[in-house]
Amino acid sequence: MAAPMSRPHVFVKGTEAGLTFFLSEESSFGELRDELQRKVREAQESFSSGPPVPVVLHLGRRRFSSEREEELARILEEGGYFRVREIRADVFPEEESAGFGMPCARVYFGPVRSGEHVAAAGDLLVVGDVHGGAKVEGREAVYVLGRLAGEARVRESTGFIVASSLRAALLVIGDRHLAGADIPEELRDLPSFAVQTDGGVEVFPYREFRRFRFRGLEGLLPEV
């Protein structure tokens, strides 16, 4: 009698934007790593020419350490056949997320180019630059580990926007906004964050973030 087929550790699905690699939540990191390496070798025959194929790496309802996630991304990009543009994880199951009011987090590997719009149901972390003409959006927080030159929006008035370099064209928090021309010049090339205040949306140097704290639905308020 033939042995039952083992369940795949990695499932690949094609989309209009490229490929999505879904990782089995029941597989160990070693099993996932080995199967990804095998699939990359097999892809050499199908993607031997042309530009790298954009890839989303979907971890399911778990996260690995940043070192392990980076290792998986490097495996996919070996040989130049794939370009990992996003690592996505459903941090909580949908029923738990709804109960706690915490939609899935999203990590996007940039850059986000002009004309692109990257949005998340919950917080959004962009690893890379956000170019002019691009838009990024999250529910309560947007983090940009790079230069923010486009538009950033958080839907909750208690949210905040953080960037390594804040030369944004527009910052929107809740129903308030700040035009790029009104961002203080001395803060544009410094790690900075934006929050909604009584005066609208204001930008502060990141070193002052410790002066702020979450206070329930009142959001970020300066400590007294």
C-alpha atoms as a PDB file:
ATOM      1  CA  MET A   1       0.000   0.000   0.000  1.00  0.00           C
ATOM      2  CA  ALA A   2       1.335   3.397  -0.955  1.00  0.00           C
ATOM      3  CA  ALA A   3       2.234   5.693   1.898  1.00  0.00           C
ATOM      4  CA  PRO A   4      -0.119   8.647   2.375  1.00  0.00           C
ATOM      5  CA  MET A   5       1.085  11.862   0.806  1.00  0.00           C
ATOM      6  CA  SER A   6       2.529  14.297   3.291  1.00  0.00           C
ATOM      7  CA  ARG A   7       0.870  17.663   3.611  1.00  0.00           C
ATOM      8  CA  PRO A   8       2.871  20.444   1.925  1.00  0.00           C
ATOM      9  CA  HIS A   9       4.625  22.872   4.215  1.00  0.00           C
ATOM     10  CA  VAL A  10       4.419  25.695   1.645  1.00  0.00           C
ATOM     11  CA  PHE A  11       1.530  26.465  -0.699  1.00  0.00           C
ATOM     12  CA  VAL A  12       2.031  28.864  -3.606  1.00  0.00           C
ATOM     13  CA  LYS A  13      -0.780  30.870  -5.181  1.00  0.00           C
ATOM     14  CA  GLY A  14      -0.521  33.138  -8.196  1.00  0.00           C
ATOM     15  CA  THR A  15      -2.152  36.577  -8.167  1.00  0.00           C
ATOM     16  CA  GLU A  16      -2.299  39.527 -10.542  1.00  0.00           C
ATOM     17  CA  ALA A  17       0.437  41.178  -8.470  1.00  0.00           C
ATOM     18  CA  GLY A  18       2.774  38.156  -8.399  1.00  0.00           C
ATOM     19  CA  LEU A  19       2.947  35.129  -6.090  1.00  0.00           C
ATOM     20  CA  THR A  20       1.922  34.489  -2.498  1.00  0.00           C
ATOM     21  CA  PHE A  21       3.760  31.835  -0.475  1.00  0.00           C
ATOM     22  CA  PHE A  22       1.501  30.520   2.314  1.00  0.00           C
ATOM     23  CA  LEU A  23       3.401  28.780   5.133  1.00  0.00           C
ATOM     24  CA  SER A  24       1.737  25.941   7.035  1.00  0.00           C
ATOM     25  CA  GLU A  25       1.170  26.827  10.681  1.00  0.00           C
ATOM     26  CA  GLU A  26       1.703  23.165  11.615  1.00  0.00           C
ATOM     27  CA  SER A  27       5.204  22.978  10.127  1.00  0.00           C
ATOM     28  CA  SER A  28       8.439  23.648  11.956  1.00  0.00           C
ATOM     29  CA  PHE A  29      10.754  26.427  10.875  1.00  0.00           C
ATOM     30  CA  GLY A  30      13.227  23.852   9.544  1.00  0.00           C
ATOM     31  CA  GLU A  31      10.543  22.189   7.407  1.00  0.00           C
ATOM     32  CA  LEU A  32       9.466  25.548   6.001  1.00  0.00           C
ATOM     33  CA  ARG A  33      13.040  26.587   5.268  1.00  0.00           C
ATOM     34  CA  ASP A  34      13.850  23.317   3.474  1.00  0.00           C
ATOM     35  CA  GLU A  35      10.709  23.400   1.331  1.00  0.00           C
ATOM     36  CA  LEU A  36      11.230  27.050   0.412  1.00  0.00           C
ATOM     37  CA  GLN A  37      14.757  26.215  -0.737  1.00  0.00           C
ATOM     38  CA  ARG A  38      13.376  23.369  -2.838  1.00  0.00           C
ATOM     39  CA  LYS A  39      10.705  25.559  -4.423  1.00  0.00           C
ATOM     40  CA  VAL A  40      13.262  28.254  -5.250  1.00  0.00           C
ATOM     41  CA  ARG A  41      15.403  25.652  -7.032  1.00  0.00           C
ATOM     42  CA  GLU A  42      12.369  24.438  -8.984  1.00  0.00           C
ATOM     43  CA  ALA A  43      11.493  28.014  -9.931  1.00  0.00           C
ATOM     44  CA  GLN A  44      14.764  28.441 -11.794  1.00  0.00           C
ATOM     45  CA  GLU A  45      13.231  26.573 -14.744  1.00  0.00           C
ATOM     46  CA  SER A  46      10.052  28.674 -14.854  1.00  0.00           C
ATOM     47  CA  PHE A  47      11.568  32.083 -14.113  1.00  0.00           C
ATOM     48  CA  SER A  48      14.928  31.833 -15.845  1.00  0.00           C
ATOM     49  CA  SER A  49      14.495  35.203 -17.566  1.00  0.00           C
ATOM     50  CA  GLY A  50      12.741  38.494 -16.976  1.00  0.00           C
ATOM     51  CA  PRO A  51      12.509  40.726 -13.915  1.00  0.00           C
ATOM     52  CA  PRO A  52      12.121  39.291 -10.387  1.00  0.00           C
ATOM     53  CA  VAL A  53       8.586  38.164  -9.562  1.00  0.00           C
ATOM     54  CA  PRO A  54       6.982  40.111  -6.654  1.00  0.00           C
ATOM     55  CA  VAL A  55       6.265  37.803  -3.723  1.00  0.00           C
ATOM     56  CA  VAL A  56       4.190  38.004  -0.542  1.00  0.00           C
ATOM     57  CA  LEU A  57       5.306  35.684   2.263  1.00  0.00           C
ATOM     58  CA  HIS A  58       2.259  34.798   4.390  1.00  0.00           C
ATOM     59  CA  LEU A  59       3.125  33.393   7.824  1.00  0.00           C
ATOM     60  CA  GLY A  60      -0.431  32.628   8.901  1.00  0.00           C
ATOM     61  CA  ARG A  61      -1.467  33.093  12.519  1.00  0.00           C
ATOM     62  CA  ARG A  62       2.018  33.275  13.969  1.00  0.00           C
ATOM     63  CA  ARG A  63       5.239  35.257  13.817  1.00  0.00           C
ATOM     64  CA  PHE A  64       8.894  34.234  13.833  1.00  0.00           C
ATOM     65  CA  SER A  65      11.785  36.279  15.144  1.00  0.00           C
ATOM     66  CA  SER A  66      12.948  39.043  12.819  1.00  0.00           C
ATOM     67  CA  GLU A  67      16.126  37.048  12.129  1.00  0.00           C
ATOM     68  CA  ARG A  68      14.167  33.988  11.014  1.00  0.00           C
ATOM     69  CA  GLU A  69      11.760  36.013   8.889  1.00  0.00           C
ATOM     70  CA  GLU A  70      14.726  37.691   7.206  1.00  0.00           C
ATOM     71  CA  GLU A  71      16.258  34.254   6.573  1.00  0.00           C
ATOM     72  CA  LEU A  72      13.088  33.073   4.808  1.00  0.00           C
ATOM     73  CA  ALA A  73      13.034  36.252   2.720  1.00  0.00           C
ATOM     74  CA  ARG A  74      16.695  35.761   1.747  1.00  0.00           C
ATOM     75  CA  ILE A  75      15.984  32.189   0.654  1.00  0.00           C
ATOM     76  CA  LEU A  76      13.207  33.398  -1.633  1.00  0.00           C
ATOM     77  CA  GLU A  77      15.396  36.093  -3.151  1.00  0.00           C
ATOM     78  CA  GLU A  78      18.373  33.805  -3.820  1.00  0.00           C
ATOM     79  CA  GLY A  79      19.186  33.759  -7.517  1.00  0.00           C
ATOM     80  CA  GLY A  80      17.217  36.935  -8.212  1.00  0.00           C
ATOM     81  CA  TYR A  81      14.030  35.157  -9.345  1.00  0.00           C
ATOM     82  CA  PHE A  82      11.772  36.571  -6.619  1.00  0.00           C
ATOM     83  CA  ARG A  83      11.502  39.922  -4.817  1.00  0.00           C
ATOM     84  CA  VAL A  84       9.843  39.797  -1.400  1.00  0.00           C
ATOM     85  CA  ARG A  85       7.658  42.882  -1.192  1.00  0.00           C
ATOM     86  CA  GLU A  86       5.756  41.959   1.955  1.00  0.00           C
ATOM     87  CA  ILE A  87       5.790  39.613   4.932  1.00  0.00           C
ATOM     88  CA  ARG A  88       2.248  39.255   6.234  1.00  0.00           C
ATOM     89  CA  ALA A  89       0.954  37.644   9.419  1.00  0.00           C
ATOM     90  CA  ASP A  90      -2.485  37.255  10.926  1.00  0.00           C
ATOM     91  CA  VAL A  91      -1.325  37.920  14.446  1.00  0.00           C
ATOM     92  CA  PHE A  92      -4.637  36.878  15.970  1.00  0.00           C
ATOM     93  CA  PRO A  93      -7.394  34.603  14.563  1.00  0.00           C
ATOM     94  CA  GLU A  94     -10.222  36.665  13.095  1.00  0.00           C
ATOM     95  CA  GLU A  95     -12.656  35.816  15.889  1.00  0.00           C
ATOM     96  CA  GLU A  96     -10.115  36.873  18.523  1.00  0.00           C
ATOM     97  CA  SER A  97      -9.122  39.967  16.566  1.00  0.00           C
ATOM     98  CA  ALA A  98     -12.717  41.106  16.377  1.00  0.00           C
ATOM     99  CA  GLY A  99     -13.210  40.497  20.096  1.00  0.00           C
ATOM    100  CA  PHE A 100     -10.173  42.527  21.092  1.00  0.00           C
ATOM    101  CA  GLY A 101     -10.640  45.160  18.391  1.00  0.00           C
ATOM    102  CA  MET A 102      -7.198  44.313  16.965  1.00  0.00           C
ATOM    103  CA  PRO A 103      -7.231  43.583  13.226  1.00  0.00           C
ATOM    104  CA  CYS A 104      -4.278  41.847  11.588  1.00  0.00           C
ATOM    105  CA  ALA A 105      -0.952  43.624  11.607  1.00  0.00           C
ATOM    106  CA  ARG A 106       0.769  44.119   8.291  1.00  0.00           C
ATOM    107  CA  VAL A 107       4.445  44.388   7.371  1.00  0.00           C
ATOM    108  CA  TYR A 108       5.287  45.705   3.911  1.00  0.00           C
ATOM    109  CA  PHE A 109       8.774  45.607   2.430  1.00  0.00           C
ATOM    110  CA  GLY A 110       9.127  48.730   0.294  1.00  0.00           C
ATOM    111  CA  PRO A 111       9.763  50.874  -1.432  1.00  0.00           C
ATOM    112  CA  VAL A 112       6.201  52.030  -1.995  1.00  0.00           C
ATOM    113  CA  ARG A 113       6.341  53.725  -5.375  1.00  0.00           C
ATOM    114  CA  SER A 114       4.376  56.630  -6.840  1.00  0.00           C
ATOM    115  CA  GLY A 115       0.804  55.603  -7.598  1.00  0.00           C
ATOM    116  CA  GLU A 116       0.824  52.678  -5.150  1.00  0.00           C
ATOM    117  CA  HIS A 117      -1.548  52.555  -2.171  1.00  0.00           C
ATOM    118  CA  VAL A 118      -0.663  50.215   0.715  1.00  0.00           C
ATOM    119  CA  ALA A 119      -3.329  49.887   3.426  1.00  0.00           C
ATOM    120  CA  ALA A 120      -3.760  47.740   6.528  1.00  0.00           C
ATOM    121  CA  ALA A 121      -6.775  46.806   8.631  1.00  0.00           C
ATOM    122  CA  GLY A 122      -4.654  47.444  11.729  1.00  0.00           C
ATOM    123  CA  ASP A 123      -1.173  48.876  12.159  1.00  0.00           C
ATOM    124  CA  LEU A 124       1.092  49.167   9.125  1.00  0.00           C
ATOM    125  CA  LEU A 125       4.879  48.844   9.165  1.00  0.00           C
ATOM    126  CA  VAL A 126       6.694  49.801   5.967  1.00  0.00           C
ATOM    127  CA  VAL A 127      10.314  48.681   5.778  1.00  0.00           C
ATOM    128  CA  GLY A 128      11.654  51.043   3.130  1.00  0.00           C
ATOM    129  CA  ASP A 129      10.860  54.411   1.593  1.00  0.00           C
ATOM    130  CA  VAL A 130       7.439  55.771   0.652  1.00  0.00           C
ATOM    131  CA  HIS A 131       7.950  57.767  -2.535  1.00  0.00           C
ATOM    132  CA  GLY A 132       6.168  60.957  -3.493  1.00  0.00           C
ATOM    133  CA  GLY A 133       2.776  60.161  -5.026  1.00  0.00           C
ATOM    134  CA  ALA A 134       2.412  56.980  -2.936  1.00  0.00           C
ATOM    135  CA  LYS A 135      -0.072  56.462  -0.096  1.00  0.00           C
ATOM    136  CA  VAL A 136       0.172  54.352   3.071  1.00  0.00           C
ATOM    137  CA  GLU A 137      -2.672  53.832   5.509  1.00  0.00           C
ATOM    138  CA  GLY A 138      -3.323  52.108   8.831  1.00  0.00           C
ATOM    139  CA  ARG A 139      -5.985  52.092  11.472  1.00  0.00           C
ATOM    140  CA  GLU A 140      -4.090  53.361  14.525  1.00  0.00           C
ATOM    141  CA  ALA A 141      -0.427  53.543  13.545  1.00  0.00           C
ATOM    142  CA  VAL A 142       1.801  53.797  10.495  1.00  0.00           C
ATOM    143  CA  TYR A 143       5.533  53.178  10.912  1.00  0.00           C
ATOM    144  CA  VAL A 144       7.928  53.925   8.052  1.00  0.00           C
ATOM    145  CA  LEU A 145      11.471  52.632   8.492  1.00  0.00           C
ATOM    146  CA  GLY A 146      12.718  54.910   5.759  1.00  0.00           C
ATOM    147  CA  ARG A 147      11.907  58.197   4.060  1.00  0.00           C
ATOM    148  CA  LEU A 148       8.236  59.182   3.976  1.00  0.00           C
ATOM    149  CA  ALA A 149       7.724  61.497   1.006  1.00  0.00           C
ATOM    150  CA  GLY A 150       4.182  60.519   0.013  1.00  0.00           C
ATOM    151  CA  GLU A 151       0.904  60.581   1.938  1.00  0.00           C
ATOM    152  CA  ALA A 152       0.338  58.778   5.245  1.00  0.00           C
ATOM    153  CA  ARG A 153      -3.036  58.312   6.884  1.00  0.00           C
ATOM    154  CA  VAL A 154      -4.301  56.733  10.113  1.00  0.00           C
ATOM    155  CA  ARG A 155      -8.043  56.409  10.467  1.00  0.00           C
ATOM    156  CA  GLU A 156      -8.300  56.772  14.264  1.00  0.00           C
ATOM    157  CA  SER A 157      -7.944  60.230  15.792  1.00  0.00           C
ATOM    158  CA  THR A 158      -5.863  58.691  18.619  1.00  0.00           C
ATOM    159  CA  GLY A 159      -3.351  57.222  16.163  1.00  0.00           C
ATOM    160  CA  PHE A 160       0.127  58.316  15.156  1.00  0.00           C
ATOM    161  CA  ILE A 161       2.582  58.268  12.248  1.00  0.00           C
ATOM    162  CA  VAL A 162       6.313  57.587  12.698  1.00  0.00           C
ATOM    163  CA  ALA A 163       9.044  57.853  10.053  1.00  0.00           C
ATOM    164  CA  SER A 164      12.827  57.912   9.877  1.00  0.00           C
ATOM    165  CA  SER A 165      12.582  60.974   7.623  1.00  0.00           C
ATOM    166  CA  LEU A 166       9.310  62.887   7.517  1.00  0.00           C
ATOM    167  CA  ARG A 167       9.104  64.796   4.245  1.00  0.00           C
ATOM    168  CA  ALA A 168       5.507  63.764   3.668  1.00  0.00           C
ATOM    169  CA  ALA A 169       3.256  65.475   1.158  1.00  0.00           C
ATOM    170  CA  LEU A 170       0.293  65.026   3.505  1.00  0.00           C
ATOM    171  CA  LEU A 171      -0.315  63.581   6.985  1.00  0.00           C
ATOM    172  CA  VAL A 172      -3.869  62.634   7.957  1.00  0.00           C
ATOM    173  CA  ILE A 173      -4.885  61.495  11.443  1.00  0.00           C
ATOM    174  CA  GLY A 174      -8.599  60.939  11.963  1.00  0.00           C
ATOM    175  CA  ASP A 175     -10.380  63.961  10.513  1.00  0.00           C
ATOM    176  CA  ARG A 176      -7.374  66.305  10.818  1.00  0.00           C
ATOM    177  CA  HIS A 177      -4.539  66.786   8.356  1.00  0.00           C
ATOM    178  CA  LEU A 178      -1.203  68.542   7.983  1.00  0.00           C
ATOM    179  CA  ALA A 179       0.165  69.603   4.609  1.00  0.00           C
ATOM    180  CA  GLY A 180       3.779  68.774   3.891  1.00  0.00           C
ATOM    181  CA  ALA A 181       4.664  72.449   3.571  1.00  0.00           C
ATOM    182  CA  ASP A 182       3.648  72.922   7.222  1.00  0.00           C
ATOM    183  CA  ILE A 183       6.005  70.270   8.617  1.00  0.00           C
ATOM    184  CA  PRO A 184       8.809  72.120  10.430  1.00  0.00           C
ATOM    185  CA  GLU A 185      11.882  72.162   8.206  1.00  0.00           C
ATOM    186  CA  GLU A 186      14.188  71.235  11.084  1.00  0.00           C
ATOM    187  CA  LEU A 187      12.255  67.970  11.643  1.00  0.00           C
ATOM    188  CA  ARG A 188      11.985  66.736   8.067  1.00  0.00           C
ATOM    189  CA  ASP A 189      15.244  64.804   8.009  1.00  0.00           C
ATOM    190  CA  LEU A 190      15.042  63.549  11.596  1.00  0.00           C
ATOM    191  CA  PRO A 191      13.196  60.528  13.006  1.00  0.00           C
ATOM    192  CA  SER A 192       9.863  62.129  13.866  1.00  0.00           C
ATOM    193  CA  PHE A 193       6.265  61.307  14.693  1.00  0.00           C
ATOM    194  CA  ALA A 194       2.924  63.008  14.148  1.00  0.00           C
ATOM    195  CA  VAL A 195      -0.122  62.983  16.435  1.00  0.00           C
ATOM    196  CA  GLN A 196      -3.431  64.797  16.591  1.00  0.00           C
ATOM    197  CA  THR A 197      -3.559  67.624  19.129  1.00  0.00           C
ATOM    198  CA  ASP A 198      -6.028  70.377  19.938  1.00  0.00           C
ATOM    199  CA  GLY A 199      -4.377  72.444  17.227  1.00  0.00           C
ATOM    200  CA  GLY A 200      -4.688  69.778  14.525  1.00  0.00           C
ATOM    201  CA  VAL A 201      -1.877  67.444  13.498  1.00  0.00           C
ATOM    202  CA  GLU A 202       1.551  68.235  14.931  1.00  0.00           C
ATOM    203  CA  VAL A 203       5.012  66.771  14.331  1.00  0.00           C
ATOM    204  CA  PHE A 204       7.556  66.134  17.083  1.00  0.00           C
ATOM    205  CA  PRO A 205      11.101  64.732  17.100  1.00  0.00           C
ATOM    206  CA  TYR A 206      11.069  61.035  17.933  1.00  0.00           C
ATOM    207  CA  ARG A 207      13.160  61.583  21.077  1.00  0.00           C
ATOM    208  CA  GLU A 208      10.072  63.238  22.588  1.00  0.00           C
ATOM    209  CA  PHE A 209       7.907  60.168  22.051  1.00  0.00           C
ATOM    210  CA  ARG A 210       8.627  59.078  25.620  1.00  0.00           C
ATOM    211  CA  ARG A 211       6.793  62.189  26.828  1.00  0.00           C
ATOM    212  CA  PHE A 212       3.606  60.708  25.447  1.00  0.00           C
ATOM    213  CA  ARG A 213       1.601  57.785  26.693  1.00  0.00           C
ATOM    214  CA  PHE A 214      -1.568  55.927  25.810  1.00  0.00           C
ATOM    215  CA  ARG A 215      -4.503  56.878  28.017  1.00  0.00           C
ATOM    216  CA  GLY A 216      -7.418  54.695  26.897  1.00  0.00           C
ATOM    217  CA  LEU A 217      -9.661  56.284  24.310  1.00  0.00           C
ATOM    218  CA  GLU A 218      -8.058  59.643  25.011  1.00  0.00           C
ATOM    219  CA  GLY A 219      -5.112  58.408  22.991  1.00  0.00           C
ATOM    220  CA  LEU A 220      -1.686  59.971  23.113  1.00  0.00           C
ATOM    221  CA  LEU A 221      -1.515  62.779  25.616  1.00  0.00           C
ATOM    222  CA  PRO A 222       1.563  64.641  26.883  1.00  0.00           C
ATOM    223  CA  GLU A 223       2.568  63.682  30.398  1.00  0.00           C
ATOM    224  CA  VAL A 224       2.256  66.399  33.008  1.00  0.00           C
END
